[in-house]
């Protein structure tokens, strides 16, 4: 992920925000000293134009969310390097200082970054050029050769199947909380769900990390009791 966009992704993944909530985040809603952010507005995109909406998706969407140290650190670095023009300007703005358009971010930033990370195909060097390798929407393997590395990345990004979505950051956040034993009603609150059933039904699934945690707990319980 290019440096300019890393903090946007870190905050989305570290606070479980929806796309419109993270690109609508302004300095007046971010308290890095306290380690919290407030979801008080969102951004909507209509006919290729973005605009602020002065309230979230629902009444439950207006909320305060704890910000872990690592996305807070990314945010602090971003604000120092690219300070917003005002308290009501987006923290994570596009190059024109306005909210990102989801479609452009998807095609120009997110999908090429997934290719570079090896999560949406790959690019290999071959005979003075670069070969883009990917799976199409039907799961069929495809390849195309290009003269430069960046051209090959663009080909794979434009033609590969869906892969990881931006919204999967929100799914991962909810799953991490549940796996760490956070009560579902608290997960519901920080995600901004109106109905408690939405949280376990749509956003969480147990991960394989549960087995690792159980083994660690039993190891601790056995410490000092077993044979030496």
Protein backbone atom coordinates (compact mmCIF):
# COMPACT_ATOMS: atom_id res chain seq x y z
CA UNK A 1 0.00 0.00 0.00
CA UNK A 2 1.48 3.41 -0.92
CA UNK A 3 2.48 5.51 2.10
CA UNK A 4 -0.23 8.11 1.47
CA UNK A 5 -3.02 5.53 1.90
CA UNK A 6 -1.62 3.30 4.65
CA UNK A 7 -3.18 5.21 7.52
CA UNK A 8 -6.62 5.11 5.87
CA UNK A 9 -6.43 1.32 5.69
CA UNK A 10 -4.98 1.07 9.21
CA UNK A 11 -7.85 3.08 10.74
CA UNK A 12 -10.49 1.16 8.77
CA UNK A 13 -9.04 -2.16 9.93
CA UNK A 14 -8.19 -1.05 13.45
CA UNK A 15 -11.55 0.56 14.20
CA UNK A 16 -13.95 -1.46 12.02
CA UNK A 17 -15.21 1.56 10.09
CA UNK A 18 -17.37 1.47 6.98
CA UNK A 19 -15.91 3.02 3.84
CA UNK A 20 -18.00 6.21 4.09
CA UNK A 21 -17.11 6.58 7.77
CA UNK A 22 -13.35 6.38 7.34
CA UNK A 23 -13.17 8.71 4.32
CA UNK A 24 -15.55 11.07 6.15
CA UNK A 25 -13.33 11.23 9.24
CA UNK A 26 -12.27 14.83 10.03
CA UNK A 27 -9.81 16.14 12.63
CA UNK A 28 -12.63 17.33 14.90
CA UNK A 29 -13.69 13.69 15.32
CA UNK A 30 -10.23 12.29 16.04
CA UNK A 31 -8.65 12.38 19.51
CA UNK A 32 -5.26 10.73 19.27
CA UNK A 33 -4.31 11.63 22.84
CA UNK A 34 -7.32 9.76 24.22
CA UNK A 35 -7.06 7.05 21.57
CA UNK A 36 -10.63 7.47 20.30
CA UNK A 37 -12.47 8.57 17.21
CA UNK A 38 -16.08 9.66 16.84
CA UNK A 39 -18.27 8.60 13.94
CA UNK A 40 -20.42 11.71 13.46
CA UNK A 41 -20.57 12.00 9.68
CA UNK A 42 -20.09 9.91 6.58
CA UNK A 43 -19.41 10.40 2.88
CA UNK A 44 -21.78 9.36 0.13
CA UNK A 45 -20.95 9.05 -3.56
CA UNK A 46 -23.57 9.79 -6.21
CA UNK A 47 -22.91 10.13 -9.95
CA UNK A 48 -19.13 10.27 -9.38
CA UNK A 49 -19.46 13.08 -6.85
CA UNK A 50 -18.76 12.78 -3.13
CA UNK A 51 -20.42 14.79 -0.38
CA UNK A 52 -20.54 14.79 3.40
CA UNK A 53 -23.65 13.51 5.09
CA UNK A 54 -23.95 15.01 8.59
CA UNK A 55 -24.99 11.74 10.20
CA UNK A 56 -23.98 8.06 9.89
CA UNK A 57 -25.90 5.14 8.39
CA UNK A 58 -28.24 4.84 11.42
CA UNK A 59 -28.69 6.28 14.91
CA UNK A 60 -26.53 3.46 16.26
CA UNK A 61 -23.89 4.45 13.73
CA UNK A 62 -23.15 7.65 15.64
CA UNK A 63 -20.64 6.33 18.14
CA UNK A 64 -17.25 6.58 19.79
CA UNK A 65 -14.70 3.92 18.88
CA UNK A 66 -11.42 3.12 20.68
CA UNK A 67 -8.40 3.46 18.43
CA UNK A 68 -5.60 0.92 19.05
CA UNK A 69 -2.00 2.20 19.20
CA UNK A 70 -0.95 1.04 15.72
CA UNK A 71 -3.65 2.89 13.68
CA UNK A 72 -3.23 5.88 16.03
CA UNK A 73 0.47 5.91 15.20
CA UNK A 74 -0.28 5.74 11.46
CA UNK A 75 -2.81 8.57 11.83
CA UNK A 76 -0.36 10.77 13.73
CA UNK A 77 2.29 10.27 11.04
CA UNK A 78 -0.25 10.99 8.30
CA UNK A 79 -1.48 14.20 9.93
CA UNK A 80 2.08 15.40 10.37
CA UNK A 81 2.99 14.64 6.75
CA UNK A 82 -0.29 15.67 5.11
CA UNK A 83 -2.20 18.03 7.45
CA UNK A 84 -5.85 18.73 6.51
CA UNK A 85 -6.79 22.26 5.49
CA UNK A 86 -9.29 22.64 8.34
CA UNK A 87 -11.01 20.82 11.21
CA UNK A 88 -13.85 19.90 8.84
CA UNK A 89 -11.66 18.67 5.98
CA UNK A 90 -11.17 14.92 5.57
CA UNK A 91 -8.17 13.45 7.35
CA UNK A 92 -7.68 10.98 4.50
CA UNK A 93 -8.35 13.17 1.49
CA UNK A 94 -7.57 12.60 -2.16
CA UNK A 95 -4.89 14.66 -3.86
CA UNK A 96 -7.41 17.47 -4.39
CA UNK A 97 -8.20 17.64 -0.68
CA UNK A 98 -11.66 16.10 -1.10
CA UNK A 99 -13.09 12.74 0.06
CA UNK A 100 -11.94 9.71 -1.88
CA UNK A 101 -14.21 8.16 -4.47
CA UNK A 102 -14.67 4.50 -3.68
CA UNK A 103 -14.53 3.37 -7.31
CA UNK A 104 -11.26 5.19 -8.03
CA UNK A 105 -9.66 3.99 -4.79
CA UNK A 106 -10.62 0.44 -5.71
CA UNK A 107 -9.10 0.53 -9.20
CA UNK A 108 -6.09 2.78 -8.62
CA UNK A 109 -4.99 1.90 -5.09
CA UNK A 110 -6.57 -1.12 -3.43
CA UNK A 111 -6.45 -3.70 -6.23
CA UNK A 112 -2.92 -2.84 -7.44
CA UNK A 113 -1.77 -3.03 -3.81
CA UNK A 114 -3.32 -6.50 -3.51
CA UNK A 115 -1.40 -7.58 -6.61
CA UNK A 116 1.86 -6.23 -5.17
CA UNK A 117 1.14 -8.12 -1.93
CA UNK A 118 0.57 -11.37 -3.84
CA UNK A 119 -3.08 -11.49 -2.78
CA UNK A 120 -4.61 -10.87 -6.21
CA UNK A 121 -2.39 -12.63 -8.70
CA UNK A 122 1.29 -11.88 -9.14
CA UNK A 123 3.84 -10.38 -11.49
CA UNK A 124 7.02 -12.16 -12.58
CA UNK A 125 9.97 -10.98 -14.69
CA UNK A 126 10.55 -12.87 -17.92
CA UNK A 127 12.68 -12.27 -21.05
CA UNK A 128 13.06 -8.54 -20.63
CA UNK A 129 9.43 -7.97 -19.68
CA UNK A 130 6.93 -8.71 -16.95
CA UNK A 131 4.19 -11.34 -16.90
CA UNK A 132 0.92 -10.67 -15.06
CA UNK A 133 -0.65 -13.84 -13.65
CA UNK A 134 -4.16 -13.92 -12.19
CA UNK A 135 -7.40 -15.85 -11.81
CA UNK A 136 -10.43 -14.39 -13.58
CA UNK A 137 -13.95 -14.20 -12.14
CA UNK A 138 -14.58 -17.81 -13.21
CA UNK A 139 -11.43 -19.05 -11.47
CA UNK A 140 -9.52 -19.62 -14.71
CA UNK A 141 -5.80 -18.83 -14.79
CA UNK A 142 -4.77 -15.99 -17.13
CA UNK A 143 -1.45 -14.43 -18.11
CA UNK A 144 -0.37 -11.40 -20.12
CA UNK A 145 3.07 -9.97 -20.76
CA UNK A 146 3.87 -6.26 -20.54
CA UNK A 147 6.99 -4.17 -21.00
CA UNK A 148 7.09 -2.65 -17.50
CA UNK A 149 6.31 -3.89 -14.01
CA UNK A 150 3.69 -1.20 -13.39
CA UNK A 151 1.88 -2.10 -16.62
CA UNK A 152 1.74 -5.77 -15.62
CA UNK A 153 0.41 -4.85 -12.16
CA UNK A 154 -2.37 -2.78 -13.76
CA UNK A 155 -3.36 -5.66 -16.04
CA UNK A 156 -3.67 -8.13 -13.16
CA UNK A 157 -5.50 -5.58 -10.98
CA UNK A 158 -7.98 -4.75 -13.73
CA UNK A 159 -8.80 -8.33 -14.74
CA UNK A 160 -8.52 -10.54 -11.66
CA UNK A 161 -11.55 -11.78 -9.74
CA UNK A 162 -12.86 -9.85 -6.76
CA UNK A 163 -10.36 -10.95 -4.13
CA UNK A 164 -10.33 -9.18 -0.76
CA UNK A 165 -12.80 -6.33 -0.43
CA UNK A 166 -12.32 -3.14 1.56
CA UNK A 167 -15.30 -4.16 3.69
CA UNK A 168 -13.40 -7.32 4.70
CA UNK A 169 -11.35 -5.09 7.01
CA UNK A 170 -14.55 -4.53 8.98
CA UNK A 171 -15.29 -8.26 9.03
CA UNK A 172 -11.77 -8.95 10.31
CA UNK A 173 -12.08 -6.33 13.04
CA UNK A 174 -15.31 -7.88 14.35
CA UNK A 175 -13.80 -11.37 14.24
CA UNK A 176 -10.71 -10.25 16.15
CA UNK A 177 -12.89 -8.78 18.91
CA UNK A 178 -15.02 -11.92 19.25
CA UNK A 179 -11.94 -14.16 19.23
CA UNK A 180 -10.45 -12.05 22.01
CA UNK A 181 -13.55 -12.58 24.14
CA UNK A 182 -15.18 -9.15 23.78
CA UNK A 183 -18.93 -9.51 24.54
CA UNK A 184 -21.14 -9.37 21.46
CA UNK A 185 -23.11 -6.38 22.80
CA UNK A 186 -19.88 -4.38 23.00
CA UNK A 187 -18.88 -5.47 19.48
CA UNK A 188 -22.34 -4.37 18.34
CA UNK A 189 -21.80 -0.92 19.84
CA UNK A 190 -18.40 -0.22 18.30
CA UNK A 191 -19.58 -1.51 14.90
CA UNK A 192 -22.66 0.73 15.02
CA UNK A 193 -25.28 -1.99 14.56
CA UNK A 194 -28.86 -1.25 15.56
CA UNK A 195 -29.78 -4.93 16.01
CA UNK A 196 -27.69 -7.26 18.14
CA UNK A 197 -28.42 -10.18 15.80
CA UNK A 198 -26.63 -8.44 12.93
CA UNK A 199 -23.24 -8.73 14.61
CA UNK A 200 -22.90 -12.53 14.99
CA UNK A 201 -24.99 -13.31 11.90
CA UNK A 202 -23.08 -11.22 9.36
CA UNK A 203 -19.76 -10.02 10.68
CA UNK A 204 -18.07 -12.68 12.78
CA UNK A 205 -16.74 -16.17 12.48
CA UNK A 206 -14.43 -18.05 14.76
CA UNK A 207 -10.88 -18.29 13.49
CA UNK A 208 -8.30 -21.00 13.91
CA UNK A 209 -6.62 -18.75 16.47
CA UNK A 210 -9.04 -20.11 19.08
CA UNK A 211 -7.15 -23.40 19.22
CA UNK A 212 -3.89 -21.55 19.72
CA UNK A 213 -5.37 -19.52 22.57
CA UNK A 214 -6.75 -22.63 24.26
CA UNK A 215 -3.38 -24.35 24.04
CA UNK A 216 -1.68 -21.28 25.49
CA UNK A 217 -4.16 -21.15 28.38
CA UNK A 218 -3.72 -24.83 29.21
CA UNK A 219 0.06 -24.44 29.04
CA UNK A 220 -0.19 -21.63 31.58
CA UNK A 221 -2.49 -23.68 33.81
CA UNK A 222 -0.03 -26.57 33.72
CA UNK A 223 2.95 -24.38 34.53
CA UNK A 224 4.40 -25.55 37.83
CA UNK A 225 2.10 -28.56 38.09
CA UNK A 226 3.58 -31.02 35.64
CA UNK A 227 6.75 -33.12 35.99
CA UNK A 228 10.09 -31.38 35.62
